[in-house]
């Protein structure tokens, strides 16, 4: 018996939609070396630690930990060390990705 074409397309669509989610469920923490800066300070070596791609990551820069959370609705929150969470806007600036006054450049994993 041959499956109808619509069933094949539906099955492929479901698999294509759910495969990335299944892959993310077993995702490992990734550490990426970057260049970062705070406000107008000079660029310095830093690292991005991605705990959940596109949803939870942090930057380690000069002994500081800048933590970021994105809940999927377009808003990103940032927390510096033990300070409270604040909402930040993300934008591109001179080939770097910035969240508020914090910018990073290099091989930034976006998705």
C-alpha atoms as a PDB file:
ATOM      1  CA  UNK A   1       0.000   0.000   0.000  1.00  0.00           C
ATOM      2  CA  UNK A   2       1.313   3.452  -0.919  1.00  0.00           C
ATOM      3  CA  UNK A   3       0.753   6.314   1.516  1.00  0.00           C
ATOM      4  CA  UNK A   4      -1.108   9.327   0.099  1.00  0.00           C
ATOM      5  CA  UNK A   5       1.060  12.299  -0.850  1.00  0.00           C
ATOM      6  CA  UNK A   6      -0.554  14.564   1.789  1.00  0.00           C
ATOM      7  CA  UNK A   7       0.361  12.063   4.514  1.00  0.00           C
ATOM      8  CA  UNK A   8       4.003  11.970   3.359  1.00  0.00           C
ATOM      9  CA  UNK A   9       4.173  15.779   3.387  1.00  0.00           C
ATOM     10  CA  UNK A  10       2.521  15.976   6.817  1.00  0.00           C
ATOM     11  CA  UNK A  11       4.918  13.370   8.256  1.00  0.00           C
ATOM     12  CA  UNK A  12       7.951  15.187   6.838  1.00  0.00           C
ATOM     13  CA  UNK A  13       6.681  18.501   8.209  1.00  0.00           C
ATOM     14  CA  UNK A  14       6.194  17.055  11.681  1.00  0.00           C
ATOM     15  CA  UNK A  15       9.618  15.398  11.678  1.00  0.00           C
ATOM     16  CA  UNK A  16      11.297  18.568  10.389  1.00  0.00           C
ATOM     17  CA  UNK A  17       9.598  20.629  13.095  1.00  0.00           C
ATOM     18  CA  UNK A  18      10.332  18.282  15.983  1.00  0.00           C
ATOM     19  CA  UNK A  19      13.872  17.125  15.108  1.00  0.00           C
ATOM     20  CA  UNK A  20      15.526  20.428  16.119  1.00  0.00           C
ATOM     21  CA  UNK A  21      13.605  20.407  19.403  1.00  0.00           C
ATOM     22  CA  UNK A  22      14.705  16.854  20.141  1.00  0.00           C
ATOM     23  CA  UNK A  23      18.308  17.777  19.348  1.00  0.00           C
ATOM     24  CA  UNK A  24      18.129  20.752  21.725  1.00  0.00           C
ATOM     25  CA  UNK A  25      16.791  18.597  24.536  1.00  0.00           C
ATOM     26  CA  UNK A  26      20.108  16.726  24.682  1.00  0.00           C
ATOM     27  CA  UNK A  27      22.170  19.851  24.061  1.00  0.00           C
ATOM     28  CA  UNK A  28      25.521  20.213  25.803  1.00  0.00           C
ATOM     29  CA  UNK A  29      26.930  23.430  27.266  1.00  0.00           C
ATOM     30  CA  UNK A  30      29.063  25.175  24.641  1.00  0.00           C
ATOM     31  CA  UNK A  31      31.924  27.600  25.359  1.00  0.00           C
ATOM     32  CA  UNK A  32      32.891  30.052  22.596  1.00  0.00           C
ATOM     33  CA  UNK A  33      35.869  32.451  22.720  1.00  0.00           C
ATOM     34  CA  UNK A  34      34.859  35.986  21.680  1.00  0.00           C
ATOM     35  CA  UNK A  35      35.878  39.628  21.949  1.00  0.00           C
ATOM     36  CA  UNK A  36      33.661  41.727  24.240  1.00  0.00           C
ATOM     37  CA  UNK A  37      33.343  45.244  25.528  1.00  0.00           C
ATOM     38  CA  UNK A  38      31.244  47.113  28.048  1.00  0.00           C
ATOM     39  CA  UNK A  39      30.020  50.542  26.933  1.00  0.00           C
ATOM     40  CA  UNK A  40      32.911  52.323  25.191  1.00  0.00           C
ATOM     41  CA  UNK A  41      35.697  50.295  26.835  1.00  0.00           C
ATOM     42  CA  UNK A  42      38.310  48.595  24.630  1.00  0.00           C
ATOM     43  CA  UNK A  43      37.672  45.138  23.184  1.00  0.00           C
ATOM     44  CA  UNK A  44      38.891  42.305  25.412  1.00  0.00           C
ATOM     45  CA  UNK A  45      38.948  38.535  25.252  1.00  0.00           C
ATOM     46  CA  UNK A  46      35.897  36.942  26.789  1.00  0.00           C
ATOM     47  CA  UNK A  47      33.947  33.754  26.484  1.00  0.00           C
ATOM     48  CA  UNK A  48      30.316  32.988  25.873  1.00  0.00           C
ATOM     49  CA  UNK A  49      28.916  29.995  27.694  1.00  0.00           C
ATOM     50  CA  UNK A  50      25.732  28.741  26.050  1.00  0.00           C
ATOM     51  CA  UNK A  51      23.601  26.608  28.338  1.00  0.00           C
ATOM     52  CA  UNK A  52      20.511  26.602  26.115  1.00  0.00           C
ATOM     53  CA  UNK A  53      20.960  27.901  22.580  1.00  0.00           C
ATOM     54  CA  UNK A  54      18.957  31.072  21.985  1.00  0.00           C
ATOM     55  CA  UNK A  55      17.450  30.999  25.477  1.00  0.00           C
ATOM     56  CA  UNK A  56      20.137  31.061  28.192  1.00  0.00           C
ATOM     57  CA  UNK A  57      23.777  32.124  27.908  1.00  0.00           C
ATOM     58  CA  UNK A  58      26.327  34.216  29.716  1.00  0.00           C
ATOM     59  CA  UNK A  59      29.506  36.141  28.999  1.00  0.00           C
ATOM     60  CA  UNK A  60      32.564  35.931  31.213  1.00  0.00           C
ATOM     61  CA  UNK A  61      34.570  39.149  30.932  1.00  0.00           C
ATOM     62  CA  UNK A  62      37.239  40.492  33.299  1.00  0.00           C
ATOM     63  CA  UNK A  63      36.016  38.342  36.183  1.00  0.00           C
ATOM     64  CA  UNK A  64      32.392  39.382  35.661  1.00  0.00           C
ATOM     65  CA  UNK A  65      29.539  37.138  34.673  1.00  0.00           C
ATOM     66  CA  UNK A  66      26.871  38.733  32.497  1.00  0.00           C
ATOM     67  CA  UNK A  67      23.925  36.361  32.267  1.00  0.00           C
ATOM     68  CA  UNK A  68      21.242  36.540  29.562  1.00  0.00           C
ATOM     69  CA  UNK A  69      17.808  34.949  29.237  1.00  0.00           C
ATOM     70  CA  UNK A  70      15.462  35.045  26.273  1.00  0.00           C
ATOM     71  CA  UNK A  71      11.976  33.616  26.642  1.00  0.00           C
ATOM     72  CA  UNK A  72      11.104  33.536  22.940  1.00  0.00           C
ATOM     73  CA  UNK A  73       8.909  36.628  22.816  1.00  0.00           C
ATOM     74  CA  UNK A  74      11.659  38.968  21.613  1.00  0.00           C
ATOM     75  CA  UNK A  75      12.646  40.280  25.046  1.00  0.00           C
ATOM     76  CA  UNK A  76      16.077  39.627  26.529  1.00  0.00           C
ATOM     77  CA  UNK A  77      16.948  40.089  30.190  1.00  0.00           C
ATOM     78  CA  UNK A  78      20.468  40.562  31.534  1.00  0.00           C
ATOM     79  CA  UNK A  79      21.877  40.133  35.025  1.00  0.00           C
ATOM     80  CA  UNK A  80      25.335  41.280  36.126  1.00  0.00           C
ATOM     81  CA  UNK A  81      26.853  39.052  38.811  1.00  0.00           C
ATOM     82  CA  UNK A  82      24.353  39.089  41.726  1.00  0.00           C
ATOM     83  CA  UNK A  83      22.436  42.214  40.620  1.00  0.00           C
ATOM     84  CA  UNK A  84      18.790  42.052  39.567  1.00  0.00           C
ATOM     85  CA  UNK A  85      17.506  41.321  36.076  1.00  0.00           C
ATOM     86  CA  UNK A  86      17.043  44.162  33.605  1.00  0.00           C
ATOM     87  CA  UNK A  87      15.541  44.108  30.128  1.00  0.00           C
ATOM     88  CA  UNK A  88      18.013  44.951  27.340  1.00  0.00           C
ATOM     89  CA  UNK A  89      17.587  45.634  23.644  1.00  0.00           C
ATOM     90  CA  UNK A  90      19.676  43.637  21.215  1.00  0.00           C
ATOM     91  CA  UNK A  91      21.134  45.248  18.097  1.00  0.00           C
ATOM     92  CA  UNK A  92      23.980  44.909  15.618  1.00  0.00           C
ATOM     93  CA  UNK A  93      26.741  47.514  15.768  1.00  0.00           C
ATOM     94  CA  UNK A  94      29.929  47.468  13.635  1.00  0.00           C
ATOM     95  CA  UNK A  95      29.866  43.687  13.066  1.00  0.00           C
ATOM     96  CA  UNK A  96      29.201  42.976  16.736  1.00  0.00           C
ATOM     97  CA  UNK A  97      26.051  41.874  18.523  1.00  0.00           C
ATOM     98  CA  UNK A  98      25.073  44.067  21.462  1.00  0.00           C
ATOM     99  CA  UNK A  99      22.682  43.663  24.352  1.00  0.00           C
ATOM    100  CA  UNK A 100      22.261  47.101  25.860  1.00  0.00           C
ATOM    101  CA  UNK A 101      25.808  48.418  26.463  1.00  0.00           C
ATOM    102  CA  UNK A 102      27.435  44.953  26.246  1.00  0.00           C
ATOM    103  CA  UNK A 103      28.808  43.972  22.833  1.00  0.00           C
ATOM    104  CA  UNK A 104      30.434  40.784  21.536  1.00  0.00           C
ATOM    105  CA  UNK A 105      32.015  39.835  18.228  1.00  0.00           C
ATOM    106  CA  UNK A 106      33.297  36.579  16.823  1.00  0.00           C
ATOM    107  CA  UNK A 107      31.605  33.265  16.020  1.00  0.00           C
ATOM    108  CA  UNK A 108      28.482  33.912  18.086  1.00  0.00           C
ATOM    109  CA  UNK A 109      26.120  30.913  18.023  1.00  0.00           C
ATOM    110  CA  UNK A 110      22.702  32.341  17.199  1.00  0.00           C
ATOM    111  CA  UNK A 111      20.636  29.193  16.618  1.00  0.00           C
END
